[in-house]
């Protein structure tokens, strides 16, 4: 049985542990950033109604601008994660698989 078919061998490898640690760090970091942005928006809705009602131009107010901005920010954070996964995480997974295959 090769290392890729043995889940315990994969889970015990230093490369796999580092890969999992990195993924958690990126995921948790981006989650905290998004939650902070959302919490800030919710707190502004709850305690800054006059600020959100202030006009921006002729047809918009700060509430609408910040709400749409929050949605766009979520898309950007998602794009950042996808970029990181495609350019850093996936190559590390391929390298780890190659290393484990070569240990057979």
N, C-alpha and C. Protein backbone atom coordinates (compact mmCIF):
# COMPACT_ATOMS: atom_id res chain seq x y z
N UNK A 1 0.85 -1.18 0.00
CA UNK A 1 0.00 0.00 0.00
C UNK A 1 0.90 1.24 0.00
N UNK A 2 0.65 2.17 -0.94
CA UNK A 2 1.49 3.37 -0.96
C UNK A 2 0.97 4.40 0.04
N UNK A 3 1.79 5.44 0.28
CA UNK A 3 1.46 6.44 1.29
C UNK A 3 0.17 7.18 0.99
N UNK A 4 -0.14 7.38 -0.29
CA UNK A 4 -1.38 8.10 -0.63
C UNK A 4 -2.62 7.28 -0.32
N UNK A 5 -2.48 5.97 -0.27
CA UNK A 5 -3.62 5.12 0.05
C UNK A 5 -3.73 4.88 1.55
N UNK A 6 -2.77 5.34 2.31
CA UNK A 6 -2.78 5.15 3.75
C UNK A 6 -3.06 6.50 4.42
N UNK A 7 -4.30 6.73 4.84
CA UNK A 7 -4.65 8.03 5.43
C UNK A 7 -3.82 8.39 6.65
N UNK A 8 -3.44 7.40 7.46
CA UNK A 8 -2.65 7.70 8.65
C UNK A 8 -1.27 8.22 8.27
N UNK A 9 -0.68 7.65 7.22
CA UNK A 9 0.64 8.09 6.77
C UNK A 9 0.58 9.53 6.27
N UNK A 10 -0.47 9.85 5.54
CA UNK A 10 -0.65 11.22 5.04
C UNK A 10 -0.85 12.18 6.21
N UNK A 11 -1.74 11.83 7.13
CA UNK A 11 -2.06 12.71 8.26
C UNK A 11 -0.87 12.93 9.18
N UNK A 12 0.05 11.98 9.25
CA UNK A 12 1.20 12.10 10.13
C UNK A 12 2.37 12.84 9.48
N UNK A 13 2.30 13.08 8.19
CA UNK A 13 3.42 13.74 7.52
C UNK A 13 3.50 15.21 7.91
N UNK A 14 4.71 15.71 8.04
CA UNK A 14 4.94 17.11 8.42
C UNK A 14 4.38 18.06 7.36
N UNK A 15 4.52 17.68 6.10
CA UNK A 15 4.01 18.52 5.01
C UNK A 15 2.50 18.69 5.08
N UNK A 16 1.81 17.60 5.38
CA UNK A 16 0.35 17.68 5.49
C UNK A 16 -0.08 18.56 6.66
N UNK A 17 0.61 18.39 7.79
CA UNK A 17 0.28 19.20 8.96
C UNK A 17 0.50 20.68 8.68
N UNK A 18 1.58 21.01 7.98
CA UNK A 18 1.85 22.40 7.62
C UNK A 18 0.78 22.92 6.66
N UNK A 19 0.39 22.10 5.71
CA UNK A 19 -0.65 22.47 4.75
C UNK A 19 -1.97 22.78 5.46
N UNK A 20 -2.35 21.93 6.39
CA UNK A 20 -3.58 22.15 7.15
C UNK A 20 -3.49 23.41 7.99
N UNK A 21 -2.35 23.63 8.63
CA UNK A 21 -2.15 24.84 9.45
C UNK A 21 -2.27 26.10 8.60
N UNK A 22 -1.66 26.10 7.43
CA UNK A 22 -1.72 27.26 6.54
C UNK A 22 -3.15 27.52 6.06
N UNK A 23 -3.85 26.46 5.70
CA UNK A 23 -5.23 26.64 5.23
C UNK A 23 -6.11 27.21 6.33
N UNK A 24 -5.95 26.70 7.55
CA UNK A 24 -6.73 27.22 8.67
C UNK A 24 -6.40 28.68 8.94
N UNK A 25 -5.12 29.03 8.87
CA UNK A 25 -4.71 30.41 9.14
C UNK A 25 -5.33 31.36 8.13
N UNK A 26 -5.28 31.01 6.85
CA UNK A 26 -5.85 31.86 5.82
C UNK A 26 -7.37 31.92 5.96
N UNK A 27 -8.00 30.78 6.12
CA UNK A 27 -9.46 30.74 6.24
C UNK A 27 -9.95 31.51 7.46
N UNK A 28 -9.31 31.28 8.58
CA UNK A 28 -9.71 31.96 9.81
C UNK A 28 -9.46 33.46 9.71
N UNK A 29 -8.32 33.83 9.15
CA UNK A 29 -8.01 35.25 8.99
C UNK A 29 -9.04 35.98 8.13
N UNK A 30 -9.37 35.39 6.99
CA UNK A 30 -10.36 36.02 6.11
C UNK A 30 -11.75 36.02 6.75
N UNK A 31 -12.06 34.99 7.50
CA UNK A 31 -13.35 34.94 8.20
C UNK A 31 -13.44 36.05 9.23
N UNK A 32 -12.38 36.24 9.99
CA UNK A 32 -12.37 37.31 11.01
C UNK A 32 -12.52 38.68 10.34
N UNK A 33 -11.82 38.88 9.24
CA UNK A 33 -11.92 40.17 8.53
C UNK A 33 -13.36 40.40 8.05
N UNK A 34 -13.99 39.36 7.48
CA UNK A 34 -15.36 39.52 6.99
C UNK A 34 -16.33 39.74 8.13
N UNK A 35 -16.17 38.99 9.22
CA UNK A 35 -17.06 39.18 10.37
C UNK A 35 -16.90 40.57 10.98
N UNK A 36 -15.68 41.08 11.01
CA UNK A 36 -15.46 42.43 11.54
C UNK A 36 -16.14 43.47 10.66
N UNK A 37 -16.04 43.30 9.35
CA UNK A 37 -16.70 44.24 8.43
C UNK A 37 -18.22 44.17 8.61
N UNK A 38 -18.75 42.97 8.69
CA UNK A 38 -20.19 42.80 8.85
C UNK A 38 -20.65 43.34 10.20
N UNK A 39 -19.91 43.04 11.25
CA UNK A 39 -20.27 43.55 12.58
C UNK A 39 -20.23 45.07 12.60
N UNK A 40 -19.23 45.65 11.96
CA UNK A 40 -19.16 47.11 11.87
C UNK A 40 -20.39 47.68 11.18
N UNK A 41 -20.81 47.04 10.11
CA UNK A 41 -22.00 47.50 9.39
C UNK A 41 -23.25 47.37 10.26
N UNK A 42 -23.40 46.23 10.93
CA UNK A 42 -24.57 46.01 11.79
C UNK A 42 -24.58 47.01 12.94
N UNK A 43 -23.43 47.27 13.54
CA UNK A 43 -23.37 48.25 14.63
C UNK A 43 -23.71 49.65 14.12
N UNK A 44 -23.28 49.96 12.92
CA UNK A 44 -23.63 51.25 12.33
C UNK A 44 -25.13 51.34 12.06
N UNK A 45 -25.71 50.24 11.61
CA UNK A 45 -27.17 50.21 11.41
C UNK A 45 -27.88 50.43 12.74
N UNK A 46 -27.38 49.79 13.79
CA UNK A 46 -28.03 49.88 15.09
C UNK A 46 -27.84 51.22 15.79
N UNK A 47 -26.66 51.80 15.65
CA UNK A 47 -26.35 52.99 16.44
C UNK A 47 -26.06 54.25 15.62
N UNK A 48 -26.00 54.13 14.31
CA UNK A 48 -25.68 55.30 13.50
C UNK A 48 -26.67 55.54 12.38
N UNK A 49 -27.93 55.44 12.72
CA UNK A 49 -28.97 55.60 11.70
C UNK A 49 -28.88 56.94 10.98
N UNK A 50 -28.54 57.99 11.71
CA UNK A 50 -28.46 59.31 11.07
C UNK A 50 -27.28 59.35 10.10
N UNK A 51 -26.20 58.67 10.44
CA UNK A 51 -25.05 58.61 9.52
C UNK A 51 -25.42 57.86 8.25
N UNK A 52 -26.12 56.75 8.40
CA UNK A 52 -26.51 55.97 7.23
C UNK A 52 -27.55 56.68 6.37
N UNK A 53 -28.34 57.54 6.99
CA UNK A 53 -29.38 58.26 6.24
C UNK A 53 -28.81 59.48 5.51
N UNK A 54 -27.60 59.87 5.82
CA UNK A 54 -27.00 61.04 5.16
C UNK A 54 -26.88 60.79 3.67
N UNK A 55 -27.25 61.77 2.87
CA UNK A 55 -27.23 61.57 1.41
C UNK A 55 -25.82 61.55 0.84
N UNK A 56 -25.68 60.76 -0.20
CA UNK A 56 -24.47 60.72 -1.02
C UNK A 56 -24.97 60.96 -2.45
N UNK A 57 -24.80 62.14 -2.93
CA UNK A 57 -25.34 62.47 -4.25
C UNK A 57 -26.84 62.70 -4.14
N UNK A 58 -27.49 62.67 -5.28
CA UNK A 58 -28.92 63.00 -5.32
C UNK A 58 -29.82 61.81 -5.00
N UNK A 59 -29.35 60.60 -5.26
CA UNK A 59 -30.25 59.44 -5.16
C UNK A 59 -29.81 58.36 -4.16
N UNK A 60 -28.69 58.52 -3.53
CA UNK A 60 -28.17 57.49 -2.65
C UNK A 60 -27.93 58.03 -1.24
N UNK A 61 -27.86 57.11 -0.29
CA UNK A 61 -27.45 57.48 1.06
C UNK A 61 -26.32 56.54 1.49
N UNK A 62 -25.69 56.85 2.63
CA UNK A 62 -24.55 56.07 3.09
C UNK A 62 -24.93 54.62 3.40
N UNK A 63 -26.15 54.38 3.83
CA UNK A 63 -26.59 53.01 4.12
C UNK A 63 -26.53 52.14 2.88
N UNK A 64 -27.01 52.66 1.77
CA UNK A 64 -26.99 51.91 0.51
C UNK A 64 -25.56 51.72 0.03
N UNK A 65 -24.77 52.76 0.09
CA UNK A 65 -23.37 52.67 -0.36
C UNK A 65 -22.60 51.65 0.48
N UNK A 66 -22.76 51.71 1.79
CA UNK A 66 -22.03 50.76 2.66
C UNK A 66 -22.57 49.34 2.51
N UNK A 67 -23.87 49.18 2.32
CA UNK A 67 -24.45 47.84 2.12
C UNK A 67 -23.94 47.19 0.85
N UNK A 68 -23.94 47.93 -0.24
CA UNK A 68 -23.41 47.40 -1.50
C UNK A 68 -21.90 47.19 -1.37
N UNK A 69 -21.23 48.10 -0.68
CA UNK A 69 -19.79 47.94 -0.45
C UNK A 69 -19.46 46.68 0.32
N UNK A 70 -20.30 46.33 1.28
CA UNK A 70 -20.09 45.11 2.06
C UNK A 70 -20.22 43.87 1.17
N UNK A 71 -21.18 43.89 0.27
CA UNK A 71 -21.35 42.77 -0.66
C UNK A 71 -20.14 42.67 -1.59
N UNK A 72 -19.71 43.79 -2.12
CA UNK A 72 -18.53 43.78 -2.99
C UNK A 72 -17.29 43.32 -2.21
N UNK A 73 -17.17 43.75 -0.98
CA UNK A 73 -16.05 43.33 -0.13
C UNK A 73 -16.06 41.81 0.06
N UNK A 74 -17.24 41.23 0.26
CA UNK A 74 -17.35 39.77 0.39
C UNK A 74 -16.88 39.08 -0.89
N UNK A 75 -17.26 39.62 -2.05
CA UNK A 75 -16.80 39.05 -3.32
C UNK A 75 -15.29 39.13 -3.43
N UNK A 76 -14.73 40.29 -3.03
CA UNK A 76 -13.29 40.47 -3.11
C UNK A 76 -12.54 39.50 -2.20
N UNK A 77 -13.06 39.30 -1.00
CA UNK A 77 -12.42 38.35 -0.08
C UNK A 77 -12.51 36.93 -0.62
N UNK A 78 -13.64 36.60 -1.23
CA UNK A 78 -13.78 35.28 -1.85
C UNK A 78 -12.77 35.13 -2.99
N UNK A 79 -12.65 36.16 -3.80
CA UNK A 79 -11.67 36.14 -4.89
C UNK A 79 -10.25 36.01 -4.37
N UNK A 80 -9.96 36.68 -3.27
CA UNK A 80 -8.63 36.59 -2.65
C UNK A 80 -8.35 35.16 -2.20
N UNK A 81 -9.35 34.52 -1.60
CA UNK A 81 -9.17 33.13 -1.16
C UNK A 81 -8.96 32.21 -2.36
N UNK A 82 -9.75 32.40 -3.41
CA UNK A 82 -9.62 31.56 -4.60
C UNK A 82 -8.23 31.75 -5.23
N UNK A 83 -7.78 33.00 -5.29
CA UNK A 83 -6.44 33.28 -5.82
C UNK A 83 -5.37 32.57 -4.98
N UNK A 84 -5.49 32.71 -3.66
CA UNK A 84 -4.53 32.05 -2.77
C UNK A 84 -4.56 30.54 -2.97
N UNK A 85 -5.76 29.98 -3.02
CA UNK A 85 -5.89 28.53 -3.17
C UNK A 85 -5.29 28.05 -4.49
N UNK A 86 -5.53 28.78 -5.57
CA UNK A 86 -5.02 28.37 -6.88
C UNK A 86 -3.52 28.54 -7.01
N UNK A 87 -2.96 29.59 -6.40
CA UNK A 87 -1.55 29.90 -6.60
C UNK A 87 -0.62 29.42 -5.49
N UNK A 88 -1.15 29.13 -4.33
CA UNK A 88 -0.30 28.69 -3.22
C UNK A 88 -0.70 27.31 -2.72
N UNK A 89 -1.96 27.15 -2.37
CA UNK A 89 -2.42 25.93 -1.71
C UNK A 89 -2.37 24.72 -2.67
N UNK A 90 -2.97 24.86 -3.84
CA UNK A 90 -3.01 23.74 -4.78
C UNK A 90 -1.61 23.27 -5.20
N UNK A 91 -0.67 24.19 -5.50
CA UNK A 91 0.69 23.71 -5.80
C UNK A 91 1.33 22.98 -4.61
N UNK A 92 1.06 23.44 -3.39
CA UNK A 92 1.60 22.75 -2.22
C UNK A 92 0.99 21.35 -2.09
N UNK A 93 -0.28 21.21 -2.40
CA UNK A 93 -0.93 19.90 -2.36
C UNK A 93 -0.29 18.98 -3.40
N UNK A 94 -0.07 19.51 -4.61
CA UNK A 94 0.57 18.69 -5.65
C UNK A 94 1.98 18.26 -5.23
N UNK A 95 2.73 19.20 -4.65
CA UNK A 95 4.09 18.87 -4.19
C UNK A 95 4.06 17.80 -3.10
N UNK A 96 3.13 17.92 -2.17
CA UNK A 96 3.01 16.93 -1.10
C UNK A 96 2.66 15.57 -1.67
N UNK A 97 1.75 15.53 -2.62
CA UNK A 97 1.38 14.25 -3.23
C UNK A 97 2.58 13.61 -3.93
N UNK A 98 3.35 14.45 -4.63
CA UNK A 98 4.56 13.94 -5.29
C UNK A 98 5.55 13.39 -4.28
N UNK A 99 5.74 14.12 -3.18
CA UNK A 99 6.67 13.66 -2.14
C UNK A 99 6.22 12.34 -1.55
N UNK A 100 4.94 12.23 -1.25
CA UNK A 100 4.42 11.01 -0.65
C UNK A 100 4.49 9.83 -1.63
N UNK A 101 4.25 10.10 -2.91
CA UNK A 101 4.36 9.03 -3.90
C UNK A 101 5.80 8.55 -4.03
N UNK A 102 6.74 9.49 -3.94
CA UNK A 102 8.15 9.11 -4.11
C UNK A 102 8.69 8.32 -2.91
N UNK A 103 7.98 8.38 -1.78
CA UNK A 103 8.42 7.64 -0.60
C UNK A 103 8.01 6.17 -0.65
N UNK A 104 7.27 5.82 -1.67
CA UNK A 104 6.83 4.40 -1.79
C UNK A 104 7.98 3.49 -2.14
